Amino acid sequence: MAKVEIVTSLYDEINKRFKQQSVEILEHLKSLESSPGKGKLLGTVGGIIIKELKYDNFRFYFITDGFKLKCLKKEDLIDLLLRFVRMSDKKHQQQTIDEIKHILRTVGAGGF
């Protein structure tokens, strides 16, 4: 089973924007623990995969180790870490993706 981590700034933004609906959204994000293959692949930077998970009109972006996700069986994904880093609406989608790629290129996964 994979481990889902949500960056503190994103967690605070979800709670602030969605209020009571935030519990449902966080459960939706945590559902990746049981099925880590979910989400749309957006790109890779240095072996790190960027994927998105949709909820209504919002997109939640997460990063993970591309090698482990592609090569290991579902049972072997015990130490896979899925880290949610950003969220956006449809209007600012490309801007957010470019920002994530820039951070990964300059600082690496620790930049979040």
PDB file of N, CA and C in Angstrom:
ATOM      1  N   MET A   1       0.840  -1.172   0.000  1.00  0.00           N
ATOM      2  CA  MET A   1       0.000   0.000   0.000  1.00  0.00           C
ATOM      3  C   MET A   1       0.892   1.244   0.000  1.00  0.00           C
ATOM      4  N   ALA A   2       0.561   2.188  -0.830  1.00  0.00           N
ATOM      5  CA  ALA A   2       1.331   3.418  -0.947  1.00  0.00           C
ATOM      6  C   ALA A   2       0.969   4.378   0.191  1.00  0.00           C
ATOM      7  N   LYS A   3       1.836   5.331   0.413  1.00  0.00           N
ATOM      8  CA  LYS A   3       1.591   6.337   1.445  1.00  0.00           C
ATOM      9  C   LYS A   3       1.307   7.667   0.762  1.00  0.00           C
ATOM     10  N   VAL A   4       0.228   8.319   1.163  1.00  0.00           N
ATOM     11  CA  VAL A   4      -0.148   9.615   0.608  1.00  0.00           C
ATOM     12  C   VAL A   4       0.205  10.696   1.614  1.00  0.00           C
ATOM     13  N   GLU A   5       0.929  11.706   1.152  1.00  0.00           N
ATOM     14  CA  GLU A   5       1.315  12.837   1.987  1.00  0.00           C
ATOM     15  C   GLU A   5       0.791  14.104   1.321  1.00  0.00           C
ATOM     16  N   ILE A   6       0.204  14.985   2.113  1.00  0.00           N
ATOM     17  CA  ILE A   6      -0.309  16.241   1.605  1.00  0.00           C
ATOM     18  C   ILE A   6       0.510  17.365   2.230  1.00  0.00           C
ATOM     19  N   VAL A   7       1.106  18.201   1.389  1.00  0.00           N
ATOM     20  CA  VAL A   7       1.930  19.302   1.866  1.00  0.00           C
ATOM     21  C   VAL A   7       1.072  20.225   2.726  1.00  0.00           C
ATOM     22  N   THR A   8       1.645  20.742   3.796  1.00  0.00           N
ATOM     23  CA  THR A   8       0.906  21.551   4.771  1.00  0.00           C
ATOM     24  C   THR A   8       0.216  22.750   4.130  1.00  0.00           C
ATOM     25  N   SER A   9       0.896  23.423   3.216  1.00  0.00           N
ATOM     26  CA  SER A   9       0.295  24.600   2.581  1.00  0.00           C
ATOM     27  C   SER A   9      -0.935  24.222   1.762  1.00  0.00           C
ATOM     28  N   LEU A  10      -0.893  23.078   1.096  1.00  0.00           N
ATOM     29  CA  LEU A  10      -2.046  22.613   0.329  1.00  0.00           C
ATOM     30  C   LEU A  10      -3.178  22.198   1.261  1.00  0.00           C
ATOM     31  N   TYR A  11      -2.847  21.536   2.349  1.00  0.00           N
ATOM     32  CA  TYR A  11      -3.849  21.120   3.334  1.00  0.00           C
ATOM     33  C   TYR A  11      -4.600  22.339   3.882  1.00  0.00           C
ATOM     34  N   ASP A  12      -3.852  23.381   4.212  1.00  0.00           N
ATOM     35  CA  ASP A  12      -4.469  24.604   4.721  1.00  0.00           C
ATOM     36  C   ASP A  12      -5.349  25.269   3.668  1.00  0.00           C
ATOM     37  N   GLU A  13      -4.883  25.273   2.415  1.00  0.00           N
ATOM     38  CA  GLU A  13      -5.661  25.879   1.328  1.00  0.00           C
ATOM     39  C   GLU A  13      -6.966  25.116   1.081  1.00  0.00           C
ATOM     40  N   ILE A  14      -6.919  23.791   1.157  1.00  0.00           N
ATOM     41  CA  ILE A  14      -8.131  22.978   0.987  1.00  0.00           C
ATOM     42  C   ILE A  14      -9.125  23.288   2.101  1.00  0.00           C
ATOM     43  N   ASN A  15      -8.651  23.326   3.341  1.00  0.00           N
ATOM     44  CA  ASN A  15      -9.547  23.625   4.466  1.00  0.00           C
ATOM     45  C   ASN A  15     -10.136  25.024   4.377  1.00  0.00           C
ATOM     46  N   LYS A  16      -9.347  25.981   3.930  1.00  0.00           N
ATOM     47  CA  LYS A  16      -9.827  27.357   3.830  1.00  0.00           C
ATOM     48  C   LYS A  16     -10.854  27.515   2.706  1.00  0.00           C
ATOM     49  N   ARG A  17     -10.595  26.908   1.559  1.00  0.00           N
ATOM     50  CA  ARG A  17     -11.459  27.102   0.401  1.00  0.00           C
ATOM     51  C   ARG A  17     -12.742  26.278   0.470  1.00  0.00           C
ATOM     52  N   PHE A  18     -12.655  25.028   0.941  1.00  0.00           N
ATOM     53  CA  PHE A  18     -13.797  24.126   0.857  1.00  0.00           C
ATOM     54  C   PHE A  18     -14.560  23.947   2.163  1.00  0.00           C
ATOM     55  N   LYS A  19     -14.003  24.390   3.271  1.00  0.00           N
ATOM     56  CA  LYS A  19     -14.639  24.299   4.584  1.00  0.00           C
ATOM     57  C   LYS A  19     -15.134  22.885   4.897  1.00  0.00           C
ATOM     58  N   GLN A  20     -16.454  22.642   4.929  1.00  0.00           N
ATOM     59  CA  GLN A  20     -16.979  21.330   5.331  1.00  0.00           C
ATOM     60  C   GLN A  20     -16.755  20.256   4.274  1.00  0.00           C
ATOM     61  N   GLN A  21     -16.672  20.638   3.044  1.00  0.00           N
ATOM     62  CA  GLN A  21     -16.454  19.670   1.971  1.00  0.00           C
ATOM     63  C   GLN A  21     -15.006  19.168   1.959  1.00  0.00           C
ATOM     64  N   SER A  22     -14.138  19.789   2.740  1.00  0.00           N
ATOM     65  CA  SER A  22     -12.729  19.420   2.748  1.00  0.00           C
ATOM     66  C   SER A  22     -12.506  17.984   3.216  1.00  0.00           C
ATOM     67  N   VAL A  23     -13.335  17.474   4.104  1.00  0.00           N
ATOM     68  CA  VAL A  23     -13.201  16.096   4.575  1.00  0.00           C
ATOM     69  C   VAL A  23     -13.387  15.122   3.419  1.00  0.00           C
ATOM     70  N   GLU A  24     -14.385  15.382   2.604  1.00  0.00           N
ATOM     71  CA  GLU A  24     -14.653  14.530   1.443  1.00  0.00           C
ATOM     72  C   GLU A  24     -13.509  14.598   0.430  1.00  0.00           C
ATOM     73  N   ILE A  25     -12.955  15.778   0.230  1.00  0.00           N
ATOM     74  CA  ILE A  25     -11.848  15.953  -0.707  1.00  0.00           C
ATOM     75  C   ILE A  25     -10.602  15.226  -0.208  1.00  0.00           C
ATOM     76  N   LEU A  26     -10.307  15.352   1.077  1.00  0.00           N
ATOM     77  CA  LEU A  26      -9.138  14.675   1.638  1.00  0.00           C
ATOM     78  C   LEU A  26      -9.278  13.158   1.560  1.00  0.00           C
ATOM     79  N   GLU A  27     -10.479  12.642   1.746  1.00  0.00           N
ATOM     80  CA  GLU A  27     -10.703  11.197   1.580  1.00  0.00           C
ATOM     81  C   GLU A  27     -10.478  10.784   0.136  1.00  0.00           C
ATOM     82  N   HIS A  28     -10.893  11.636  -0.806  1.00  0.00           N
ATOM     83  CA  HIS A  28     -10.677  11.357  -2.228  1.00  0.00           C
ATOM     84  C   HIS A  28      -9.180  11.295  -2.539  1.00  0.00           C
ATOM     85  N   LEU A  29      -8.410  12.195  -1.953  1.00  0.00           N
ATOM     86  CA  LEU A  29      -6.968  12.194  -2.167  1.00  0.00           C
ATOM     87  C   LEU A  29      -6.316  10.975  -1.514  1.00  0.00           C
ATOM     88  N   LYS A  30      -6.786  10.606  -0.334  1.00  0.00           N
ATOM     89  CA  LYS A  30      -6.231   9.449   0.377  1.00  0.00           C
ATOM     90  C   LYS A  30      -6.600   8.118  -0.298  1.00  0.00           C
ATOM     91  N   SER A  31      -7.578   8.146  -1.201  1.00  0.00           N
ATOM     92  CA  SER A  31      -7.967   6.908  -1.898  1.00  0.00           C
ATOM     93  C   SER A  31      -6.844   6.376  -2.778  1.00  0.00           C
ATOM     94  N   LEU A  32      -5.843   7.185  -3.039  1.00  0.00           N
ATOM     95  CA  LEU A  32      -4.697   6.726  -3.827  1.00  0.00           C
ATOM     96  C   LEU A  32      -3.859   5.691  -3.080  1.00  0.00           C
ATOM     97  N   GLU A  33      -4.008   5.613  -1.776  1.00  0.00           N
ATOM     98  CA  GLU A  33      -3.266   4.601  -1.018  1.00  0.00           C
ATOM     99  C   GLU A  33      -3.619   3.203  -1.485  1.00  0.00           C
ATOM    100  N   SER A  34      -4.878   2.980  -1.793  1.00  0.00           N
ATOM    101  CA  SER A  34      -5.300   1.646  -2.227  1.00  0.00           C
ATOM    102  C   SER A  34      -5.133   1.440  -3.723  1.00  0.00           C
ATOM    103  N   SER A  35      -5.159   2.500  -4.518  1.00  0.00           N
ATOM    104  CA  SER A  35      -4.971   2.357  -5.963  1.00  0.00           C
ATOM    105  C   SER A  35      -4.070   3.479  -6.480  1.00  0.00           C
ATOM    106  N   PRO A  36      -2.746   3.316  -6.349  1.00  0.00           N
ATOM    107  CA  PRO A  36      -1.807   4.387  -6.700  1.00  0.00           C
ATOM    108  C   PRO A  36      -1.695   4.665  -8.192  1.00  0.00           C
ATOM    109  N   GLY A  37      -2.292   3.869  -9.041  1.00  0.00           N
ATOM    110  CA  GLY A  37      -2.226   4.099 -10.476  1.00  0.00           C
ATOM    111  C   GLY A  37      -3.216   5.139 -10.975  1.00  0.00           C
ATOM    112  N   LYS A  38      -4.108   5.605 -10.094  1.00  0.00           N
ATOM    113  CA  LYS A  38      -5.103   6.599 -10.489  1.00  0.00           C
ATOM    114  C   LYS A  38      -4.438   7.914 -10.845  1.00  0.00           C
ATOM    115  N   GLY A  39      -5.129   8.693 -11.633  1.00  0.00           N
ATOM    116  CA  GLY A  39      -4.647  10.021 -11.978  1.00  0.00           C
ATOM    117  C   GLY A  39      -4.114  10.076 -13.389  1.00  0.00           C
ATOM    118  N   LYS A  40      -4.112  11.263 -13.941  1.00  0.00           N
ATOM    119  CA  LYS A  40      -3.648  11.486 -15.300  1.00  0.00           C
ATOM    120  C   LYS A  40      -2.185  11.909 -15.276  1.00  0.00           C
ATOM    121  N   LEU A  41      -1.368  11.250 -16.078  1.00  0.00           N
ATOM    122  CA  LEU A  41       0.050  11.561 -16.174  1.00  0.00           C
ATOM    123  C   LEU A  41       0.232  12.864 -16.942  1.00  0.00           C
ATOM    124  N   LEU A  42       0.966  13.808 -16.348  1.00  0.00           N
ATOM    125  CA  LEU A  42       1.191  15.106 -16.982  1.00  0.00           C
ATOM    126  C   LEU A  42       2.600  15.275 -17.513  1.00  0.00           C
ATOM    127  N   GLY A  43       3.542  14.584 -16.914  1.00  0.00           N
ATOM    128  CA  GLY A  43       4.919  14.703 -17.361  1.00  0.00           C
ATOM    129  C   GLY A  43       5.883  14.152 -16.333  1.00  0.00           C
ATOM    130  N   THR A  44       7.161  14.121 -16.733  1.00  0.00           N
ATOM    131  CA  THR A  44       8.198  13.656 -15.818  1.00  0.00           C
ATOM    132  C   THR A  44       9.346  14.658 -15.816  1.00  0.00           C
ATOM    133  N   VAL A  45       9.980  14.767 -14.669  1.00  0.00           N
ATOM    134  CA  VAL A  45      11.158  15.611 -14.519  1.00  0.00           C
ATOM    135  C   VAL A  45      12.161  14.816 -13.706  1.00  0.00           C
ATOM    136  N   GLY A  46      13.231  14.370 -14.346  1.00  0.00           N
ATOM    137  CA  GLY A  46      14.286  13.658 -13.635  1.00  0.00           C
ATOM    138  C   GLY A  46      13.825  12.396 -12.934  1.00  0.00           C
ATOM    139  N   GLY A  47      12.927  11.639 -13.534  1.00  0.00           N
ATOM    140  CA  GLY A  47      12.444  10.402 -12.938  1.00  0.00           C
ATOM    141  C   GLY A  47      11.284  10.581 -11.978  1.00  0.00           C
ATOM    142  N   ILE A  48      10.878  11.808 -11.742  1.00  0.00           N
ATOM    143  CA  ILE A  48       9.737  12.080 -10.873  1.00  0.00           C
ATOM    144  C   ILE A  48       8.527  12.360 -11.751  1.00  0.00           C
ATOM    145  N   ILE A  49       7.461  11.627 -11.511  1.00  0.00           N
ATOM    146  CA  ILE A  49       6.246  11.758 -12.306  1.00  0.00           C
ATOM    147  C   ILE A  49       5.326  12.796 -11.673  1.00  0.00           C
ATOM    148  N   ILE A  50       4.746  13.636 -12.527  1.00  0.00           N
ATOM    149  CA  ILE A  50       3.729  14.601 -12.090  1.00  0.00           C
ATOM    150  C   ILE A  50       2.391  14.095 -12.598  1.00  0.00           C
ATOM    151  N   LYS A  51       1.431  13.918 -11.690  1.00  0.00           N
ATOM    152  CA  LYS A  51       0.100  13.449 -12.065  1.00  0.00           C
ATOM    153  C   LYS A  51      -0.950  14.359 -11.456  1.00  0.00           C
ATOM    154  N   GLU A  52      -2.156  14.292 -12.031  1.00  0.00           N
ATOM    155  CA  GLU A  52      -3.249  15.085 -11.483  1.00  0.00           C
ATOM    156  C   GLU A  52      -4.436  14.195 -11.168  1.00  0.00           C
ATOM    157  N   LEU A  53      -5.161  14.592 -10.160  1.00  0.00           N
ATOM    158  CA  LEU A  53      -6.386  13.923  -9.754  1.00  0.00           C
ATOM    159  C   LEU A  53      -7.477  14.978  -9.727  1.00  0.00           C
ATOM    160  N   LYS A  54      -8.569  14.712 -10.440  1.00  0.00           N
ATOM    161  CA  LYS A  54      -9.639  15.697 -10.551  1.00  0.00           C
ATOM    162  C   LYS A  54     -10.685  15.496  -9.459  1.00  0.00           C
ATOM    163  N   TYR A  55     -11.239  16.622  -9.046  1.00  0.00           N
ATOM    164  CA  TYR A  55     -12.394  16.636  -8.144  1.00  0.00           C
ATOM    165  C   TYR A  55     -13.234  17.831  -8.542  1.00  0.00           C
ATOM    166  N   ASP A  56     -14.400  17.595  -9.101  1.00  0.00           N
ATOM    167  CA  ASP A  56     -15.265  18.638  -9.657  1.00  0.00           C
ATOM    168  C   ASP A  56     -14.461  19.484 -10.652  1.00  0.00           C
ATOM    169  N   ASN A  57     -14.368  20.791 -10.426  1.00  0.00           N
ATOM    170  CA  ASN A  57     -13.645  21.669 -11.341  1.00  0.00           C
ATOM    171  C   ASN A  57     -12.196  21.902 -10.918  1.00  0.00           C
ATOM    172  N   PHE A  58     -11.754  21.229  -9.889  1.00  0.00           N
ATOM    173  CA  PHE A  58     -10.411  21.444  -9.370  1.00  0.00           C
ATOM    174  C   PHE A  58      -9.506  20.271  -9.702  1.00  0.00           C
ATOM    175  N   ARG A  59      -8.232  20.574  -9.832  1.00  0.00           N
ATOM    176  CA  ARG A  59      -7.218  19.556 -10.076  1.00  0.00           C
ATOM    177  C   ARG A  59      -6.225  19.589  -8.927  1.00  0.00           C
ATOM    178  N   PHE A  60      -5.870  18.401  -8.447  1.00  0.00           N
ATOM    179  CA  PHE A  60      -4.896  18.265  -7.375  1.00  0.00           C
ATOM    180  C   PHE A  60      -3.693  17.550  -7.954  1.00  0.00           C
ATOM    181  N   TYR A  61      -2.520  18.167  -7.826  1.00  0.00           N
ATOM    182  CA  TYR A  61      -1.304  17.659  -8.448  1.00  0.00           C
ATOM    183  C   TYR A  61      -0.447  16.952  -7.416  1.00  0.00           C
ATOM    184  N   PHE A  62       0.074  15.778  -7.801  1.00  0.00           N
ATOM    185  CA  PHE A  62       0.965  15.061  -6.907  1.00  0.00           C
ATOM    186  C   PHE A  62       2.160  14.543  -7.677  1.00  0.00           C
ATOM    187  N   ILE A  63       3.245  14.305  -6.942  1.00  0.00           N
ATOM    188  CA  ILE A  63       4.479  13.799  -7.528  1.00  0.00           C
ATOM    189  C   ILE A  63       4.810  12.469  -6.877  1.00  0.00           C
ATOM    190  N   THR A  64       5.511  11.624  -7.631  1.00  0.00           N
ATOM    191  CA  THR A  64       5.914  10.321  -7.120  1.00  0.00           C
ATOM    192  C   THR A  64       7.114   9.810  -7.909  1.00  0.00           C
ATOM    193  N   ASP A  65       7.725   8.764  -7.421  1.00  0.00           N
ATOM    194  CA  ASP A  65       8.863   8.143  -8.076  1.00  0.00           C
ATOM    195  C   ASP A  65       8.365   7.334  -9.279  1.00  0.00           C
ATOM    196  N   GLY A  66       8.773   7.734 -10.467  1.00  0.00           N
ATOM    197  CA  GLY A  66       8.285   7.107 -11.690  1.00  0.00           C
ATOM    198  C   GLY A  66       8.713   5.665 -11.850  1.00  0.00           C
ATOM    199  N   PHE A  67       9.915   5.328 -11.432  1.00  0.00           N
ATOM    200  CA  PHE A  67      10.406   3.964 -11.599  1.00  0.00           C
ATOM    201  C   PHE A  67       9.581   2.978 -10.781  1.00  0.00           C
ATOM    202  N   LYS A  68       9.320   3.311  -9.539  1.00  0.00           N
ATOM    203  CA  LYS A  68       8.566   2.399  -8.671  1.00  0.00           C
ATOM    204  C   LYS A  68       7.140   2.211  -9.170  1.00  0.00           C
ATOM    205  N   LEU A  69       6.517   3.282  -9.634  1.00  0.00           N
ATOM    206  CA  LEU A  69       5.127   3.213 -10.071  1.00  0.00           C
ATOM    207  C   LEU A  69       4.982   2.363 -11.322  1.00  0.00           C
ATOM    208  N   LYS A  70       5.952   2.439 -12.232  1.00  0.00           N
ATOM    209  CA  LYS A  70       5.850   1.692 -13.486  1.00  0.00           C
ATOM    210  C   LYS A  70       6.282   0.234 -13.350  1.00  0.00           C
ATOM    211  N   CYS A  71       7.307  -0.027 -12.562  1.00  0.00           N
ATOM    212  CA  CYS A  71       7.953  -1.337 -12.586  1.00  0.00           C
ATOM    213  C   CYS A  71       7.494  -2.309 -11.506  1.00  0.00           C
ATOM    214  N   LEU A  72       7.008  -1.809 -10.405  1.00  0.00           N
ATOM    215  CA  LEU A  72       6.653  -2.710  -9.315  1.00  0.00           C
ATOM    216  C   LEU A  72       5.192  -3.132  -9.397  1.00  0.00           C
ATOM    217  N   LYS A  73       4.921  -4.309  -8.862  1.00  0.00           N
ATOM    218  CA  LYS A  73       3.538  -4.784  -8.789  1.00  0.00           C
ATOM    219  C   LYS A  73       2.805  -4.040  -7.685  1.00  0.00           C
ATOM    220  N   LYS A  74       1.499  -4.147  -7.704  1.00  0.00           N
ATOM    221  CA  LYS A  74       0.679  -3.430  -6.724  1.00  0.00           C
ATOM    222  C   LYS A  74       1.029  -3.845  -5.296  1.00  0.00           C
ATOM    223  N   GLU A  75       1.348  -5.104  -5.088  1.00  0.00           N
ATOM    224  CA  GLU A  75       1.670  -5.595  -3.749  1.00  0.00           C
ATOM    225  C   GLU A  75       3.017  -5.063  -3.254  1.00  0.00           C
ATOM    226  N   ASP A  76       3.916  -4.708  -4.169  1.00  0.00           N
ATOM    227  CA  ASP A  76       5.256  -4.261  -3.803  1.00  0.00           C
ATOM    228  C   ASP A  76       5.351  -2.758  -3.560  1.00  0.00           C
ATOM    229  N   LEU A  77       4.262  -2.052  -3.690  1.00  0.00           N
ATOM    230  CA  LEU A  77       4.286  -0.597  -3.569  1.00  0.00           C
ATOM    231  C   LEU A  77       4.160  -0.120  -2.121  1.00  0.00           C
ATOM    232  N   ILE A  78       4.772  -0.841  -1.202  1.00  0.00           N
ATOM    233  CA  ILE A  78       4.660  -0.510   0.212  1.00  0.00           C
ATOM    234  C   ILE A  78       5.373   0.804   0.529  1.00  0.00           C
ATOM    235  N   ASP A  79       6.525   1.038  -0.078  1.00  0.00           N
ATOM    236  CA  ASP A  79       7.299   2.228   0.269  1.00  0.00           C
ATOM    237  C   ASP A  79       7.149   3.356  -0.751  1.00  0.00           C
ATOM    238  N   LEU A  80       6.118   3.318  -1.556  1.00  0.00           N
ATOM    239  CA  LEU A  80       5.882   4.386  -2.529  1.00  0.00           C
ATOM    240  C   LEU A  80       5.246   5.585  -1.833  1.00  0.00           C
ATOM    241  N   LEU A  81       5.792   6.752  -2.080  1.00  0.00           N
ATOM    242  CA  LEU A  81       5.275   7.976  -1.487  1.00  0.00           C
ATOM    243  C   LEU A  81       4.635   8.823  -2.574  1.00  0.00           C
ATOM    244  N   LEU A  82       3.375   9.170  -2.372  1.00  0.00           N
ATOM    245  CA  LEU A  82       2.666  10.074  -3.265  1.00  0.00           C
ATOM    246  C   LEU A  82       2.495  11.386  -2.514  1.00  0.00           C
ATOM    247  N   ARG A  83       3.077  12.456  -3.029  1.00  0.00           N
ATOM    248  CA  ARG A  83       3.039  13.738  -2.323  1.00  0.00           C
ATOM    249  C   ARG A  83       2.218  14.740  -3.124  1.00  0.00           C
ATOM    250  N   PHE A  84       1.078  15.157  -2.543  1.00  0.00           N
ATOM    251  CA  PHE A  84       0.251  16.186  -3.163  1.00  0.00           C
ATOM    252  C   PHE A  84       0.898  17.536  -2.896  1.00  0.00           C
ATOM    253  N   VAL A  85       1.106  18.310  -3.954  1.00  0.00           N
ATOM    254  CA  VAL A  85       1.853  19.548  -3.797  1.00  0.00           C
ATOM    255  C   VAL A  85       1.065  20.808  -4.145  1.00  0.00           C
ATOM    256  N   ARG A  86       0.153  20.748  -5.093  1.00  0.00           N
ATOM    257  CA  ARG A  86      -0.574  21.939  -5.512  1.00  0.00           C
ATOM    258  C   ARG A  86      -1.992  21.591  -5.919  1.00  0.00           C
ATOM    259  N   MET A  87      -2.804  22.664  -6.045  1.00  0.00           N
ATOM    260  CA  MET A  87      -4.149  22.507  -6.578  1.00  0.00           C
ATOM    261  C   MET A  87      -4.444  23.717  -7.443  1.00  0.00           C
ATOM    262  N   SER A  88      -5.334  23.536  -8.421  1.00  0.00           N
ATOM    263  CA  SER A  88      -5.719  24.660  -9.268  1.00  0.00           C
ATOM    264  C   SER A  88      -7.097  24.395  -9.839  1.00  0.00           C
ATOM    265  N   ASP A  89      -7.663  25.450 -10.409  1.00  0.00           N
ATOM    266  CA  ASP A  89      -8.891  25.262 -11.167  1.00  0.00           C
ATOM    267  C   ASP A  89      -8.503  25.130 -12.639  1.00  0.00           C
ATOM    268  N   LYS A  90      -9.467  24.922 -13.488  1.00  0.00           N
ATOM    269  CA  LYS A  90      -9.206  24.706 -14.907  1.00  0.00           C
ATOM    270  C   LYS A  90      -8.515  25.911 -15.543  1.00  0.00           C
ATOM    271  N   LYS A  91      -8.833  27.090 -15.069  1.00  0.00           N
ATOM    272  CA  LYS A  91      -8.321  28.322 -15.642  1.00  0.00           C
ATOM    273  C   LYS A  91      -6.804  28.461 -15.470  1.00  0.00           C
ATOM    274  N   HIS A  92      -6.279  28.031 -14.325  1.00  0.00           N
ATOM    275  CA  HIS A  92      -4.855  28.200 -14.007  1.00  0.00           C
ATOM    276  C   HIS A  92      -4.078  26.882 -14.078  1.00  0.00           C
ATOM    277  N   GLN A  93      -4.595  25.929 -14.799  1.00  0.00           N
ATOM    278  CA  GLN A  93      -4.016  24.593 -14.833  1.00  0.00           C
ATOM    279  C   GLN A  93      -2.587  24.597 -15.384  1.00  0.00           C
ATOM    280  N   GLN A  94      -2.357  25.167 -16.555  1.00  0.00           N
ATOM    281  CA  GLN A  94      -1.030  25.117 -17.175  1.00  0.00           C
ATOM    282  C   GLN A  94      -0.006  25.910 -16.381  1.00  0.00           C
ATOM    283  N   GLN A  95      -0.419  27.012 -15.811  1.00  0.00           N
ATOM    284  CA  GLN A  95       0.476  27.825 -14.994  1.00  0.00           C
ATOM    285  C   GLN A  95       0.965  27.022 -13.780  1.00  0.00           C
ATOM    286  N   THR A  96       0.083  26.278 -13.151  1.00  0.00           N
ATOM    287  CA  THR A  96       0.442  25.477 -11.983  1.00  0.00           C
ATOM    288  C   THR A  96       1.375  24.332 -12.368  1.00  0.00           C
ATOM    289  N   ILE A  97       1.099  23.673 -13.487  1.00  0.00           N
ATOM    290  CA  ILE A  97       1.960  22.578 -13.955  1.00  0.00           C
ATOM    291  C   ILE A  97       3.360  23.097 -14.247  1.00  0.00           C
ATOM    292  N   ASP A  98       3.461  24.237 -14.914  1.00  0.00           N
ATOM    293  CA  ASP A  98       4.765  24.821 -15.208  1.00  0.00           C
ATOM    294  C   ASP A  98       5.519  25.197 -13.933  1.00  0.00           C
ATOM    295  N   GLU A  99       4.801  25.685 -12.931  1.00  0.00           N
ATOM    296  CA  GLU A  99       5.414  26.034 -11.651  1.00  0.00           C
ATOM    297  C   GLU A  99       5.978  24.782 -10.962  1.00  0.00           C
ATOM    298  N   ILE A 100       5.236  23.680 -10.985  1.00  0.00           N
ATOM    299  CA  ILE A 100       5.709  22.429 -10.383  1.00  0.00           C
ATOM    300  C   ILE A 100       6.963  21.940 -11.098  1.00  0.00           C
ATOM    301  N   LYS A 101       6.945  21.972 -12.430  1.00  0.00           N
ATOM    302  CA  LYS A 101       8.115  21.527 -13.200  1.00  0.00           C
ATOM    303  C   LYS A 101       9.330  22.397 -12.912  1.00  0.00           C
ATOM    304  N   HIS A 102       9.127  23.697 -12.792  1.00  0.00           N
ATOM    305  CA  HIS A 102      10.231  24.606 -12.496  1.00  0.00           C
ATOM    306  C   HIS A 102      10.848  24.300 -11.129  1.00  0.00           C
ATOM    307  N   ILE A 103      10.022  24.080 -10.135  1.00  0.00           N
ATOM    308  CA  ILE A 103      10.518  23.754  -8.802  1.00  0.00           C
ATOM    309  C   ILE A 103      11.291  22.435  -8.823  1.00  0.00           C
ATOM    310  N   LEU A 104      10.774  21.437  -9.539  1.00  0.00           N
ATOM    311  CA  LEU A 104      11.462  20.147  -9.601  1.00  0.00           C
ATOM    312  C   LEU A 104      12.810  20.266 -10.315  1.00  0.00           C
ATOM    313  N   ARG A 105      12.888  21.098 -11.343  1.00  0.00           N
ATOM    314  CA  ARG A 105      14.139  21.252 -12.075  1.00  0.00           C
ATOM    315  C   ARG A 105      15.180  21.999 -11.260  1.00  0.00           C
ATOM    316  N   THR A 106      14.767  23.013 -10.524  1.00  0.00           N
ATOM    317  CA  THR A 106      15.742  23.850  -9.825  1.00  0.00           C
ATOM    318  C   THR A 106      16.101  23.314  -8.439  1.00  0.00           C
ATOM    319  N   VAL A 107      15.111  22.923  -7.654  1.00  0.00           N
ATOM    320  CA  VAL A 107      15.369  22.522  -6.265  1.00  0.00           C
ATOM    321  C   VAL A 107      15.267  21.019  -6.081  1.00  0.00           C
ATOM    322  N   GLY A 108      14.362  20.379  -6.801  1.00  0.00           N
ATOM    323  CA  GLY A 108      14.121  18.955  -6.619  1.00  0.00           C
ATOM    324  C   GLY A 108      12.845  18.739  -5.822  1.00  0.00           C
ATOM    325  N   ALA A 109      12.574  17.486  -5.488  1.00  0.00           N
ATOM    326  CA  ALA A 109      11.339  17.141  -4.781  1.00  0.00           C
ATOM    327  C   ALA A 109      11.282  17.744  -3.381  1.00  0.00           C
ATOM    328  N   GLY A 110      12.411  18.093  -2.811  1.00  0.00           N
ATOM    329  CA  GLY A 110      12.437  18.689  -1.476  1.00  0.00           C
ATOM    330  C   GLY A 110      11.976  20.137  -1.458  1.00  0.00           C
ATOM    331  N   GLY A 111      11.753  20.717  -2.624  1.00  0.00           N
ATOM    332  CA  GLY A 111      11.330  22.112  -2.705  1.00  0.00           C
ATOM    333  C   GLY A 111       9.907  22.366  -2.302  1.00  0.00           C
ATOM    334  N   PHE A 112       9.166  21.324  -2.071  1.00  0.00           N
ATOM    335  CA  PHE A 112       7.775  21.486  -1.671  1.00  0.00           C
ATOM    336  C   PHE A 112       7.678  21.371  -0.181  1.00  0.00           C
TER     337      PHE A 112
END
